[in-house]
Every structure is written in C-alpha cells, then in structure tokens.
Amino acid sequence: MLYKFKSKNAGDVIMLEPNGRRILEVIGKDAGPKGIVLPGEMLAAIAALQAEIAAEEKALKEADAEPLEGPGLRQRAMPFIDLLQRSQRSGDEVVWGV
C-alpha cells in the first residue's frame, strides 16, 4: 500500500506503507486508508515529528551506532513536514486516500 498525501497548495507526497504509517502514528493520526490533517493540527504535528527526529538521532548518537542503513526518519519526514508547513500557511488541509 502507498500513502499519497495531498494538499491544494503543494505537490503530493507519496510514501510506502511502513513509512507513512510511522509518520501518522508520530502525529497521532489513525494510519487508516483515508484521513485528514486539519490546519489547526499542523503545528502540533510538525513539533511531534521534529521531536521524534531529534529523539531518533540522539539515540543513535548515544548508542554510538552505525548510521542507519537507508534513510532515517529525518529524510523520510522532511517532505511531509514541508507539506504541512505550506498547508498550514495557506489554511488548507492535508488528506490521504481520497
């Protein structure tokens, strides 16, 4: 399954199911096949993603672990964060599965 996140003012953000599910769980949304992020929820969603990115990077640094194999949460979440920021500024919702 793919998640295709859409907004009126920005290009679509497409993620594979595991990545989209993680993003949605971090922002407190049901990872179902359809959903919406309202403009009033976007600042909290951005903050939650940024906090999770920081926690992931801190844990890797403290564990003195090798870099992640493949992209980490930062690389996967940045296009979605950009979509949320653009949508929040214009007052448009972000939807998926519609």
N, C-alpha and C. Protein backbone atom coordinates (compact mmCIF):
# COMPACT_ATOMS: atom_id res chain seq x y z
N MET A 1 0.83 -1.17 0.00
CA MET A 1 0.00 0.00 0.00
C MET A 1 0.88 1.24 0.00
N LEU A 2 0.42 2.26 -0.65
CA LEU A 2 1.09 3.55 -0.66
C LEU A 2 0.20 4.58 0.03
N TYR A 3 0.84 5.52 0.70
CA TYR A 3 0.13 6.69 1.21
C TYR A 3 0.44 7.84 0.26
N LYS A 4 -0.60 8.50 -0.23
CA LYS A 4 -0.44 9.66 -1.09
C LYS A 4 -1.06 10.84 -0.36
N PHE A 5 -0.22 11.70 0.19
CA PHE A 5 -0.68 12.86 0.94
C PHE A 5 -0.84 14.03 -0.03
N LYS A 6 -2.01 14.69 0.02
CA LYS A 6 -2.33 15.74 -0.94
C LYS A 6 -2.75 17.01 -0.21
N SER A 7 -2.44 18.13 -0.85
CA SER A 7 -2.90 19.44 -0.40
C SER A 7 -3.13 20.29 -1.64
N LYS A 8 -3.98 21.29 -1.51
CA LYS A 8 -4.28 22.15 -2.66
C LYS A 8 -3.09 22.99 -3.10
N ASN A 9 -2.17 23.26 -2.20
CA ASN A 9 -1.13 24.24 -2.49
C ASN A 9 0.27 23.66 -2.66
N ALA A 10 0.40 22.36 -2.71
CA ALA A 10 1.73 21.75 -2.81
C ALA A 10 1.63 20.43 -3.57
N GLY A 11 2.78 19.96 -4.01
CA GLY A 11 2.82 18.67 -4.69
C GLY A 11 2.53 17.53 -3.73
N ASP A 12 2.09 16.43 -4.28
CA ASP A 12 1.79 15.25 -3.47
C ASP A 12 3.06 14.68 -2.85
N VAL A 13 2.90 14.09 -1.67
CA VAL A 13 3.98 13.36 -1.01
C VAL A 13 3.54 11.91 -0.94
N ILE A 14 4.32 11.03 -1.54
CA ILE A 14 3.98 9.61 -1.61
C ILE A 14 4.97 8.83 -0.77
N MET A 15 4.44 7.94 0.08
CA MET A 15 5.28 7.11 0.95
C MET A 15 4.82 5.67 0.90
N LEU A 16 5.77 4.76 1.05
CA LEU A 16 5.42 3.36 1.22
C LEU A 16 4.70 3.20 2.55
N GLU A 17 3.92 2.16 2.67
CA GLU A 17 3.05 1.95 3.83
C GLU A 17 3.78 2.01 5.17
N PRO A 18 4.92 1.34 5.37
CA PRO A 18 5.56 1.40 6.69
C PRO A 18 5.99 2.81 7.08
N ASN A 19 6.49 3.57 6.12
CA ASN A 19 6.94 4.93 6.40
C ASN A 19 5.77 5.85 6.67
N GLY A 20 4.74 5.77 5.85
CA GLY A 20 3.55 6.59 6.06
C GLY A 20 2.87 6.28 7.38
N ARG A 21 2.80 5.00 7.72
CA ARG A 21 2.19 4.58 8.99
C ARG A 21 2.97 5.17 10.17
N ARG A 22 4.29 5.13 10.10
CA ARG A 22 5.09 5.69 11.20
C ARG A 22 4.87 7.19 11.34
N ILE A 23 4.87 7.90 10.23
CA ILE A 23 4.63 9.35 10.26
C ILE A 23 3.27 9.64 10.90
N LEU A 24 2.25 8.92 10.48
CA LEU A 24 0.90 9.15 11.02
C LEU A 24 0.83 8.81 12.50
N GLU A 25 1.48 7.75 12.92
CA GLU A 25 1.49 7.39 14.33
C GLU A 25 2.18 8.46 15.17
N VAL A 26 3.28 9.01 14.66
CA VAL A 26 4.00 10.06 15.38
C VAL A 26 3.11 11.29 15.58
N ILE A 27 2.32 11.64 14.56
CA ILE A 27 1.49 12.83 14.69
C ILE A 27 0.13 12.54 15.33
N GLY A 28 -0.08 11.29 15.73
CA GLY A 28 -1.29 10.94 16.46
C GLY A 28 -2.52 10.72 15.59
N LYS A 29 -2.29 10.37 14.35
CA LYS A 29 -3.41 10.10 13.44
C LYS A 29 -3.57 8.60 13.20
N ASP A 30 -4.80 8.19 12.98
CA ASP A 30 -5.08 6.80 12.61
C ASP A 30 -4.45 6.53 11.25
N ALA A 31 -3.69 5.47 11.15
CA ALA A 31 -2.99 5.15 9.92
C ALA A 31 -3.88 4.36 8.96
N GLY A 32 -5.14 4.69 8.92
CA GLY A 32 -6.07 4.02 8.03
C GLY A 32 -5.88 4.44 6.59
N PRO A 33 -6.69 3.87 5.70
CA PRO A 33 -6.53 4.17 4.28
C PRO A 33 -6.97 5.58 3.90
N LYS A 34 -7.75 6.25 4.75
CA LYS A 34 -8.19 7.62 4.47
C LYS A 34 -8.03 8.46 5.72
N GLY A 35 -7.74 9.74 5.51
CA GLY A 35 -7.64 10.62 6.67
C GLY A 35 -7.39 12.05 6.28
N ILE A 36 -7.30 12.90 7.32
CA ILE A 36 -7.12 14.33 7.11
C ILE A 36 -6.34 14.92 8.27
N VAL A 37 -5.49 15.88 7.95
CA VAL A 37 -4.82 16.70 8.95
C VAL A 37 -5.34 18.11 8.72
N LEU A 38 -6.01 18.65 9.72
CA LEU A 38 -6.59 19.99 9.62
C LEU A 38 -5.53 21.05 9.90
N PRO A 39 -5.69 22.25 9.34
CA PRO A 39 -4.69 23.31 9.56
C PRO A 39 -4.41 23.57 11.04
N GLY A 40 -5.40 23.49 11.90
CA GLY A 40 -5.21 23.71 13.32
C GLY A 40 -4.39 22.64 14.01
N GLU A 41 -4.22 21.49 13.37
CA GLU A 41 -3.45 20.38 13.93
C GLU A 41 -2.00 20.35 13.44
N MET A 42 -1.70 21.18 12.47
CA MET A 42 -0.42 21.04 11.77
C MET A 42 0.79 21.47 12.59
N LEU A 43 0.68 22.54 13.36
CA LEU A 43 1.83 22.96 14.16
C LEU A 43 2.21 21.88 15.18
N ALA A 44 1.21 21.26 15.80
CA ALA A 44 1.48 20.18 16.75
C ALA A 44 2.07 18.97 16.04
N ALA A 45 1.59 18.68 14.83
CA ALA A 45 2.11 17.55 14.06
C ALA A 45 3.58 17.78 13.68
N ILE A 46 3.90 19.00 13.27
CA ILE A 46 5.28 19.34 12.92
C ILE A 46 6.17 19.21 14.15
N ALA A 47 5.71 19.73 15.27
CA ALA A 47 6.50 19.64 16.51
C ALA A 47 6.72 18.19 16.92
N ALA A 48 5.70 17.35 16.79
CA ALA A 48 5.82 15.93 17.15
C ALA A 48 6.84 15.24 16.25
N LEU A 49 6.81 15.53 14.96
CA LEU A 49 7.78 14.92 14.05
C LEU A 49 9.19 15.39 14.35
N GLN A 50 9.36 16.68 14.60
CA GLN A 50 10.69 17.20 14.92
C GLN A 50 11.23 16.59 16.21
N ALA A 51 10.36 16.42 17.20
CA ALA A 51 10.78 15.80 18.46
C ALA A 51 11.18 14.34 18.24
N GLU A 52 10.44 13.62 17.43
CA GLU A 52 10.76 12.21 17.15
C GLU A 52 12.06 12.09 16.37
N ILE A 53 12.29 13.02 15.44
CA ILE A 53 13.54 13.03 14.68
C ILE A 53 14.71 13.24 15.64
N ALA A 54 14.58 14.23 16.52
CA ALA A 54 15.64 14.53 17.49
C ALA A 54 15.89 13.34 18.40
N ALA A 55 14.83 12.67 18.85
CA ALA A 55 14.98 11.51 19.73
C ALA A 55 15.69 10.37 19.00
N GLU A 56 15.33 10.13 17.75
CA GLU A 56 15.98 9.07 16.97
C GLU A 56 17.46 9.37 16.79
N GLU A 57 17.79 10.60 16.45
CA GLU A 57 19.18 10.96 16.23
C GLU A 57 19.98 10.92 17.53
N LYS A 58 19.37 11.33 18.63
CA LYS A 58 20.04 11.28 19.93
C LYS A 58 20.32 9.84 20.34
N ALA A 59 19.34 8.96 20.14
CA ALA A 59 19.50 7.55 20.50
C ALA A 59 20.63 6.92 19.69
N LEU A 60 20.71 7.24 18.41
CA LEU A 60 21.79 6.69 17.58
C LEU A 60 23.15 7.21 18.05
N LYS A 61 23.20 8.49 18.39
CA LYS A 61 24.46 9.07 18.84
C LYS A 61 24.89 8.47 20.18
N GLU A 62 23.96 8.35 21.11
CA GLU A 62 24.28 7.80 22.43
C GLU A 62 24.69 6.34 22.35
N ALA A 63 24.08 5.62 21.43
CA ALA A 63 24.41 4.21 21.28
C ALA A 63 25.70 4.03 20.49
N ASP A 64 26.24 5.15 19.99
CA ASP A 64 27.43 5.11 19.15
C ASP A 64 27.23 4.10 18.03
N ALA A 65 26.01 4.12 17.51
CA ALA A 65 25.62 3.16 16.49
C ALA A 65 26.10 3.60 15.12
N GLU A 66 26.19 2.64 14.25
CA GLU A 66 26.48 2.94 12.87
C GLU A 66 25.30 3.72 12.30
N PRO A 67 25.55 4.54 11.30
CA PRO A 67 24.43 5.25 10.67
C PRO A 67 23.39 4.26 10.18
N LEU A 68 22.15 4.71 10.16
CA LEU A 68 21.08 3.85 9.69
C LEU A 68 21.35 3.37 8.27
N GLU A 69 20.96 2.15 8.03
CA GLU A 69 21.04 1.65 6.67
C GLU A 69 19.83 2.20 5.95
N GLY A 70 20.06 3.04 4.99
CA GLY A 70 18.97 3.70 4.29
C GLY A 70 18.57 4.98 5.02
N PRO A 71 17.59 5.67 4.49
CA PRO A 71 17.17 6.94 5.07
C PRO A 71 16.56 6.77 6.46
N GLY A 72 16.86 7.72 7.32
CA GLY A 72 16.26 7.75 8.64
C GLY A 72 14.96 8.55 8.61
N LEU A 73 14.40 8.76 9.79
CA LEU A 73 13.14 9.48 9.88
C LEU A 73 13.27 10.90 9.33
N ARG A 74 14.40 11.56 9.58
CA ARG A 74 14.57 12.93 9.08
C ARG A 74 14.35 12.99 7.56
N GLN A 75 15.01 12.11 6.82
CA GLN A 75 14.90 12.13 5.37
C GLN A 75 13.49 11.77 4.91
N ARG A 76 12.86 10.87 5.62
CA ARG A 76 11.52 10.44 5.22
C ARG A 76 10.46 11.47 5.58
N ALA A 77 10.67 12.18 6.69
CA ALA A 77 9.64 13.10 7.19
C ALA A 77 9.74 14.51 6.60
N MET A 78 10.90 14.93 6.13
CA MET A 78 11.05 16.32 5.68
C MET A 78 10.08 16.72 4.57
N PRO A 79 9.85 15.90 3.55
CA PRO A 79 8.86 16.31 2.55
C PRO A 79 7.46 16.47 3.15
N PHE A 80 7.12 15.61 4.11
CA PHE A 80 5.81 15.71 4.76
C PHE A 80 5.74 16.96 5.64
N ILE A 81 6.82 17.26 6.35
CA ILE A 81 6.87 18.47 7.17
C ILE A 81 6.70 19.70 6.29
N ASP A 82 7.38 19.71 5.14
CA ASP A 82 7.25 20.83 4.21
C ASP A 82 5.80 20.96 3.73
N LEU A 83 5.18 19.84 3.42
CA LEU A 83 3.78 19.85 3.00
C LEU A 83 2.89 20.43 4.10
N LEU A 84 3.12 20.03 5.34
CA LEU A 84 2.34 20.56 6.46
C LEU A 84 2.56 22.06 6.63
N GLN A 85 3.81 22.51 6.52
CA GLN A 85 4.11 23.93 6.69
C GLN A 85 3.42 24.77 5.62
N ARG A 86 3.51 24.33 4.38
CA ARG A 86 2.86 25.07 3.28
C ARG A 86 1.34 25.09 3.46
N SER A 87 0.80 23.95 3.85
CA SER A 87 -0.65 23.85 4.01
C SER A 87 -1.14 24.68 5.19
N GLN A 88 -0.37 24.70 6.26
CA GLN A 88 -0.75 25.47 7.44
C GLN A 88 -0.76 26.96 7.10
N ARG A 89 0.24 27.41 6.36
CA ARG A 89 0.30 28.84 5.99
C ARG A 89 -0.88 29.25 5.11
N SER A 90 -1.31 28.37 4.23
CA SER A 90 -2.42 28.70 3.32
C SER A 90 -3.78 28.32 3.87
N GLY A 91 -3.81 27.60 4.99
CA GLY A 91 -5.07 27.20 5.60
C GLY A 91 -5.75 26.03 4.92
N ASP A 92 -4.97 25.22 4.20
CA ASP A 92 -5.52 24.05 3.51
C ASP A 92 -5.23 22.79 4.30
N GLU A 93 -6.14 21.83 4.24
CA GLU A 93 -5.91 20.56 4.93
C GLU A 93 -5.04 19.66 4.06
N VAL A 94 -4.46 18.66 4.71
CA VAL A 94 -3.72 17.59 4.03
C VAL A 94 -4.57 16.33 4.16
N VAL A 95 -4.80 15.67 3.05
CA VAL A 95 -5.64 14.47 3.04
C VAL A 95 -4.86 13.31 2.42
N TRP A 96 -5.33 12.10 2.70
CA TRP A 96 -4.80 10.92 2.04
C TRP A 96 -5.93 9.94 1.81
N GLY A 97 -5.81 9.18 0.75
CA GLY A 97 -6.79 8.13 0.44
C GLY A 97 -8.09 8.63 -0.16
N VAL A 98 -8.14 9.88 -0.59
CA VAL A 98 -9.37 10.41 -1.19
C VAL A 98 -9.12 10.80 -2.62
